[in-house]
Structures are given as structure tokens and as C-alpha cells.
C-alpha atoms as a PDB file:
ATOM      1  CA  MET A   1     -16.810  -7.485  29.984  1.00  0.00           C
ATOM      2  CA  ASP A   2     -18.841  -5.723  27.608  1.00  0.00           C
ATOM      3  CA  SER A   3     -15.592  -4.114  26.344  1.00  0.00           C
ATOM      4  CA  GLN A   4     -14.130  -7.758  25.779  1.00  0.00           C
ATOM      5  CA  VAL A   5     -17.370  -8.422  24.031  1.00  0.00           C
ATOM      6  CA  GLU A   6     -17.435  -5.774  21.823  1.00  0.00           C
ATOM      7  CA  ARG A   7     -13.373  -6.074  20.845  1.00  0.00           C
ATOM      8  CA  ARG A   8     -14.316  -9.672  19.776  1.00  0.00           C
ATOM      9  CA  GLU A   9     -17.193  -8.513  17.739  1.00  0.00           C
ATOM     10  CA  ARG A  10     -14.925  -5.247  15.892  1.00  0.00           C
ATOM     11  CA  ARG A  11     -12.184  -7.958  14.805  1.00  0.00           C
ATOM     12  CA  ARG A  12     -14.414 -11.080  13.740  1.00  0.00           C
ATOM     13  CA  TYR A  13     -15.974  -7.867  11.731  1.00  0.00           C
ATOM     14  CA  ALA A  14     -12.483  -6.721  10.583  1.00  0.00           C
ATOM     15  CA  SER A  15     -11.239 -10.264   9.927  1.00  0.00           C
ATOM     16  CA  LEU A  16     -14.602 -11.061   7.693  1.00  0.00           C
ATOM     17  CA  LEU A  17     -14.539  -7.607   5.869  1.00  0.00           C
ATOM     18  CA  ALA A  18     -10.593  -8.037   5.373  1.00  0.00           C
ATOM     19  CA  LYS A  19     -11.272 -11.786   3.732  1.00  0.00           C
ATOM     20  CA  ASN A  20     -14.043  -9.957   1.267  1.00  0.00           C
ATOM     21  CA  ILE A  21     -11.650  -7.372   0.463  1.00  0.00           C
ATOM     22  CA  ILE A  22      -8.999  -9.824  -0.438  1.00  0.00           C
ATOM     23  CA  GLU A  23     -11.450 -11.746  -2.477  1.00  0.00           C
ATOM     24  CA  ASN A  24     -12.597  -8.756  -4.662  1.00  0.00           C
ATOM     25  CA  GLU A  25     -10.660  -6.156  -4.488  1.00  0.00           C
ATOM     26  CA  LEU A  26      -7.043  -7.765  -5.126  1.00  0.00           C
ATOM     27  CA  SER A  27      -5.424  -8.877  -7.945  1.00  0.00           C
ATOM     28  CA  ALA A  28      -4.872 -12.616  -8.661  1.00  0.00           C
ATOM     29  CA  ARG A  29      -1.561 -11.752  -8.063  1.00  0.00           C
ATOM     30  CA  GLN A  30      -1.920  -9.639  -4.840  1.00  0.00           C
ATOM     31  CA  LYS A  31      -3.924 -12.878  -3.503  1.00  0.00           C
ATOM     32  CA  GLN A  32      -0.616 -15.628  -4.618  1.00  0.00           C
ATOM     33  CA  ILE A  33       1.816 -13.434  -2.779  1.00  0.00           C
ATOM     34  CA  LEU A  34      -0.767 -12.891   0.374  1.00  0.00           C
ATOM     35  CA  VAL A  35      -1.319 -16.552   0.579  1.00  0.00           C
ATOM     36  CA  LEU A  36       2.528 -17.428  -0.130  1.00  0.00           C
ATOM     37  CA  TYR A  37       3.976 -15.216   2.596  1.00  0.00           C
ATOM     38  CA  TYR A  38       1.092 -15.406   5.042  1.00  0.00           C
ATOM     39  CA  LYS A  39      -0.458 -18.997   4.934  1.00  0.00           C
ATOM     40  CA  GLU A  40       2.471 -20.806   3.522  1.00  0.00           C
ATOM     41  CA  GLN A  41       4.796 -18.828   5.692  1.00  0.00           C
ATOM     42  CA  LYS A  42       7.746 -18.089   2.510  1.00  0.00           C
ATOM     43  CA  THR A  43       9.714 -15.302   2.899  1.00  0.00           C
ATOM     44  CA  MET A  44       9.658 -12.716   0.220  1.00  0.00           C
ATOM     45  CA  PRO A  45      12.870 -13.964  -1.620  1.00  0.00           C
ATOM     46  CA  GLU A  46      11.721 -17.359  -1.664  1.00  0.00           C
ATOM     47  CA  ILE A  47       7.746 -15.746  -3.493  1.00  0.00           C
ATOM     48  CA  ALA A  48      10.544 -14.290  -5.882  1.00  0.00           C
ATOM     49  CA  GLN A  49      11.981 -17.550  -7.133  1.00  0.00           C
ATOM     50  CA  VAL A  50       8.223 -19.083  -7.346  1.00  0.00           C
ATOM     51  CA  LEU A  51       6.999 -16.276  -9.657  1.00  0.00           C
ATOM     52  CA  GLY A  52       9.882 -15.919 -11.356  1.00  0.00           C
ATOM     53  CA  VAL A  53      10.234 -11.881 -10.195  1.00  0.00           C
ATOM     54  CA  SER A  54      12.324 -10.031  -8.350  1.00  0.00           C
ATOM     55  CA  VAL A  55      12.235  -9.573  -4.444  1.00  0.00           C
ATOM     56  CA  SER A  56      11.333  -5.450  -4.914  1.00  0.00           C
ATOM     57  CA  SER A  57       8.426  -6.788  -7.629  1.00  0.00           C
ATOM     58  CA  VAL A  58       7.280  -9.120  -4.384  1.00  0.00           C
ATOM     59  CA  SER A  59       7.246  -6.736  -1.832  1.00  0.00           C
ATOM     60  CA  HIS A  60       5.588  -3.674  -4.435  1.00  0.00           C
ATOM     61  CA  THR A  61       2.761  -5.755  -4.550  1.00  0.00           C
ATOM     62  CA  HIS A  62       2.795  -7.419  -1.086  1.00  0.00           C
ATOM     63  CA  ARG A  63       2.915  -3.558   0.424  1.00  0.00           C
ATOM     64  CA  ARG A  64      -0.156  -2.312  -2.175  1.00  0.00           C
ATOM     65  CA  ALA A  65      -2.349  -5.222  -1.520  1.00  0.00           C
ATOM     66  CA  PHE A  66      -1.262  -4.506   2.461  1.00  0.00           C
ATOM     67  CA  ASP A  67      -2.531  -1.240   1.802  1.00  0.00           C
ATOM     68  CA  THR A  68      -5.535  -1.912   0.226  1.00  0.00           C
ATOM     69  CA  ILE A  69      -7.307  -3.719   2.695  1.00  0.00           C
ATOM     70  CA  ARG A  70      -5.835  -1.328   5.684  1.00  0.00           C
ATOM     71  CA  SER A  71      -7.131   1.737   3.673  1.00  0.00           C
ATOM     72  CA  ARG A  72     -10.329  -0.513   3.168  1.00  0.00           C
ATOM     73  CA  LEU A  73     -10.726  -1.193   7.149  1.00  0.00           C
ATOM     74  CA  CYS A  74      -9.743   2.358   8.038  1.00  0.00           C
ATOM     75  CA  ALA A  75     -12.404   4.111   6.127  1.00  0.00           C
ATOM     76  CA  CYS A  76     -14.865   1.692   8.252  1.00  0.00           C
ATOM     77  CA  ASN A  77     -12.935   2.850  11.664  1.00  0.00           C
ATOM     78  CA  LEU A  78     -11.485  -1.163  11.623  1.00  0.00           C
ATOM     79  CA  LYS A  79      -7.855  -1.505  12.427  1.00  0.00           C
ATOM     80  CA  PHE A  80      -6.509  -5.013  10.894  1.00  0.00           C
END
């Protein structure tokens, strides 16, 4: 039972930390791409068309944002 409570608390903490990282450490473009991809569930080609950039650019920016979040969480021994 305790392990379930601990896992739930770790997930909650990781979620709050990830939100803080997104708000304070990512560029406006990185945030925009994450919102379009995860919240609005657009594909990379759709995002590229909306932003007027290449799919490669969207993919690269998404990867950099995701890597930033993951590296910060890993530094705290958390997984995303």
C-alpha cells in the first residue's frame, strides 16, 4: 500500500516539476509546439504548416524541449 502512495506522490511531484520547467525554462516556441502536439493533438506536419516551418524544425524543437524536461527530472531522480 505504501508503495502505491509513494508512486502516486512521486508522479504528482514529477508533474508539478515538469510544469515548472515548461513555464520557466523552455522558449516560447518550444512551449507552443508542446501545446500543439500534446494538448491539441496535432501531428508534426500539421504543426509545421501552422507555424510555417519544416517538419524537421518542429521535430528538432520538440526533441530539445522534451530532452530539457527529461534531463531536469532525471537530475531529481524522477522519470517523466
